[in-house]
Amino acid sequence: MPAIPAAIPFGALPGAPPLLAAGGAGAIDDYLPVLIMLGFGVVFAVGSLTISWLLGEKGRKLRAKDTPYECGMPIQSHAHERFGVKFYLVAVLFILFDVEIVFMYPWAVSWGHPDPNRGGAPAMGLLLAEVAVFVAILVAGWWYVVKKGVLEWHKED
């Protein structure tokens, strides 16, 4: 059984993080500009709000000023009005199809560059078959949605 070395300092290992490799100052030097920018951002935000509060006009509270402004028109309904189910169905369909399309980006990126570690050019045929099945499932789902009439807002009777 080979002997295990008892004590190798972590910073002496190849690929060790710079915080431990260079006497503890490497990572702090790397993140110092980020910390300075974060400090400037916090000081700017707090300073802007404080100056606005100090210099801003303080007036009386009026009912007309405290009511919500809706494009110059008087408010016609309450804020907690119920929406129809069609709105939610279309929103869920949008999210589903949007997320499904996001899964095609890795395929599109790797399509023109066959990886020899994963089978090279013959694996490109498998990749094409997988995306063809994926698109077929998407088209079948879209056909089902259109057939059910989910996207029709006003049906003509």
Protein backbone atom coordinates (compact mmCIF):
# COMPACT_ATOMS: atom_id res chain seq x y z
CA MET A 1 0.00 0.00 0.00
CA PRO A 2 1.51 3.38 -0.99
CA ALA A 3 2.28 5.82 1.76
CA ILE A 4 0.06 8.87 2.07
CA PRO A 5 1.98 12.08 2.65
CA ALA A 6 1.17 13.41 6.10
CA ALA A 7 1.12 17.17 5.69
CA ILE A 8 1.11 18.96 2.34
CA PRO A 9 0.16 22.61 2.72
CA PHE A 10 -2.97 23.32 0.71
CA GLY A 11 -1.45 26.36 -1.01
CA ALA A 12 1.42 24.23 -2.33
CA LEU A 13 -0.92 22.03 -4.38
CA PRO A 14 -1.08 22.78 -8.10
CA GLY A 15 -4.30 24.61 -8.95
CA ALA A 16 -4.83 25.84 -5.38
CA PRO A 17 -6.93 28.98 -4.93
CA PRO A 18 -4.88 32.20 -4.99
CA LEU A 19 -6.07 33.15 -1.48
CA LEU A 20 -4.03 30.34 0.01
CA ALA A 21 -1.29 30.12 -2.61
CA ALA A 22 0.12 33.65 -2.42
CA GLY A 23 0.21 34.22 1.30
CA GLY A 24 -3.47 35.12 1.56
CA ALA A 25 -3.46 38.36 -0.47
CA GLY A 26 -4.19 37.06 -3.99
CA ALA A 27 -7.97 36.76 -3.86
CA ILE A 28 -8.39 40.01 -1.95
CA ASP A 29 -6.44 41.84 -4.63
CA ASP A 30 -8.61 40.22 -7.31
CA TYR A 31 -11.89 41.21 -5.65
CA LEU A 32 -10.86 44.69 -4.49
CA PRO A 33 -12.20 46.48 -7.62
CA VAL A 34 -15.51 44.63 -7.24
CA LEU A 35 -15.77 45.64 -3.58
CA ILE A 36 -14.94 49.26 -4.44
CA MET A 37 -17.67 49.34 -7.12
CA LEU A 38 -20.14 47.75 -4.70
CA GLY A 39 -19.28 50.44 -2.15
CA PHE A 40 -19.75 53.21 -4.72
CA GLY A 41 -23.11 51.74 -5.70
CA VAL A 42 -24.38 51.56 -2.13
CA VAL A 43 -23.13 55.09 -1.31
CA PHE A 44 -24.73 56.47 -4.49
CA ALA A 45 -28.10 54.79 -3.85
CA VAL A 46 -28.30 55.79 -0.20
CA GLY A 47 -27.01 59.29 -0.94
CA SER A 48 -29.52 59.86 -3.76
CA LEU A 49 -32.44 58.78 -1.59
CA THR A 50 -31.24 60.87 1.36
CA ILE A 51 -30.73 64.04 -0.71
CA SER A 52 -34.13 63.56 -2.37
CA TRP A 53 -35.79 63.18 1.02
CA LEU A 54 -34.00 66.21 2.47
CA LEU A 55 -34.51 68.58 -0.47
CA GLY A 56 -37.91 67.34 -1.64
CA GLU A 57 -41.08 69.32 -1.04
CA LYS A 58 -43.21 68.12 1.78
CA GLY A 59 -46.83 68.93 1.07
CA ARG A 60 -50.26 68.12 2.36
CA LYS A 61 -51.78 64.75 1.64
CA LEU A 62 -54.68 65.17 -0.78
CA ARG A 63 -57.09 62.47 -1.88
CA ALA A 64 -56.66 63.47 -5.53
CA LYS A 65 -52.88 63.10 -5.30
CA ASP A 66 -53.04 59.74 -3.53
CA THR A 67 -55.36 58.04 -6.04
CA PRO A 68 -53.78 55.88 -8.73
CA TYR A 69 -53.35 57.52 -12.12
CA GLU A 70 -54.66 55.43 -14.97
CA CYS A 71 -53.78 57.12 -18.26
CA GLY A 72 -55.84 60.21 -17.47
CA MET A 73 -59.08 58.23 -17.32
CA PRO A 74 -61.13 57.75 -14.18
CA ILE A 75 -60.78 54.33 -12.56
CA GLN A 76 -63.52 52.04 -13.80
CA SER A 77 -62.91 48.85 -11.83
CA HIS A 78 -61.27 47.53 -8.71
CA ALA A 79 -57.69 46.28 -8.67
CA HIS A 80 -58.72 42.79 -7.51
CA GLU A 81 -60.85 41.89 -10.50
CA ARG A 82 -61.03 38.30 -11.68
CA PHE A 83 -59.50 37.37 -15.01
CA GLY A 84 -60.92 34.76 -17.32
CA VAL A 85 -59.38 31.29 -17.49
CA LYS A 86 -58.33 31.93 -21.10
CA PHE A 87 -55.81 34.50 -19.91
CA TYR A 88 -54.12 31.98 -17.64
CA LEU A 89 -54.16 29.25 -20.30
CA VAL A 90 -52.43 31.49 -22.82
CA ALA A 91 -49.90 32.59 -20.17
CA VAL A 92 -49.09 28.99 -19.24
CA LEU A 93 -48.81 28.00 -22.91
CA PHE A 94 -46.44 30.87 -23.55
CA ILE A 95 -44.24 29.80 -20.63
CA LEU A 96 -44.26 26.15 -21.75
CA PHE A 97 -43.33 26.85 -25.35
CA ASP A 98 -40.81 29.52 -24.36
CA VAL A 99 -39.01 27.17 -21.98
CA GLU A 100 -39.08 24.37 -24.55
CA ILE A 101 -37.37 26.59 -27.11
CA VAL A 102 -34.64 27.43 -24.59
CA PHE A 103 -33.69 23.74 -24.59
CA MET A 104 -32.86 24.04 -28.30
CA TYR A 105 -30.00 26.50 -27.72
CA PRO A 106 -27.44 23.87 -26.58
CA TRP A 107 -28.33 21.81 -29.63
CA ALA A 108 -27.88 24.79 -31.94
CA VAL A 109 -24.53 25.67 -30.38
CA SER A 110 -23.13 22.14 -30.59
CA TRP A 111 -24.53 21.31 -34.03
CA GLY A 112 -21.64 22.50 -36.21
CA HIS A 113 -18.86 21.27 -33.90
CA PRO A 114 -18.69 17.45 -33.61
CA ASP A 115 -16.96 16.40 -30.39
CA PRO A 116 -14.51 13.51 -30.96
CA ASN A 117 -14.86 12.52 -27.30
CA ARG A 118 -18.57 11.86 -27.79
CA GLY A 119 -18.54 9.92 -31.02
CA GLY A 120 -17.51 12.59 -33.53
CA ALA A 121 -19.50 12.95 -36.75
CA PRO A 122 -21.65 9.79 -36.29
CA ALA A 123 -23.06 11.32 -33.10
CA MET A 124 -24.33 14.25 -35.16
CA GLY A 125 -26.94 11.98 -36.71
CA LEU A 126 -28.14 10.98 -33.27
CA LEU A 127 -28.24 14.65 -32.27
CA LEU A 128 -30.34 15.44 -35.35
CA ALA A 129 -32.72 12.57 -34.56
CA GLU A 130 -33.13 13.75 -30.98
CA VAL A 131 -33.98 17.30 -32.02
CA ALA A 132 -36.38 15.97 -34.69
CA VAL A 133 -38.27 14.04 -32.00
CA PHE A 134 -38.25 17.12 -29.77
CA VAL A 135 -39.65 19.36 -32.52
CA ALA A 136 -42.25 16.70 -33.40
CA ILE A 137 -43.47 16.70 -29.80
CA LEU A 138 -43.64 20.51 -29.87
CA VAL A 139 -45.61 20.49 -33.12
CA ALA A 140 -47.99 17.84 -31.73
CA GLY A 141 -48.55 19.98 -28.62
CA TRP A 142 -49.14 23.07 -30.73
CA TRP A 143 -51.60 21.17 -32.95
CA TYR A 144 -53.49 19.95 -29.86
CA VAL A 145 -53.70 23.50 -28.45
CA VAL A 146 -55.00 24.91 -31.74
CA LYS A 147 -57.45 22.01 -32.17
CA LYS A 148 -58.88 22.58 -28.66
CA GLY A 149 -59.39 26.29 -29.46
CA VAL A 150 -57.41 27.56 -26.49
CA LEU A 151 -56.11 30.54 -28.46
CA GLU A 152 -59.50 31.65 -29.81
CA TRP A 153 -60.66 34.61 -27.75
CA HIS A 154 -64.08 35.15 -29.33
CA LYS A 155 -65.85 32.22 -30.89
CA GLU A 156 -68.31 33.08 -33.63
CA ASP A 157 -71.63 31.37 -33.00
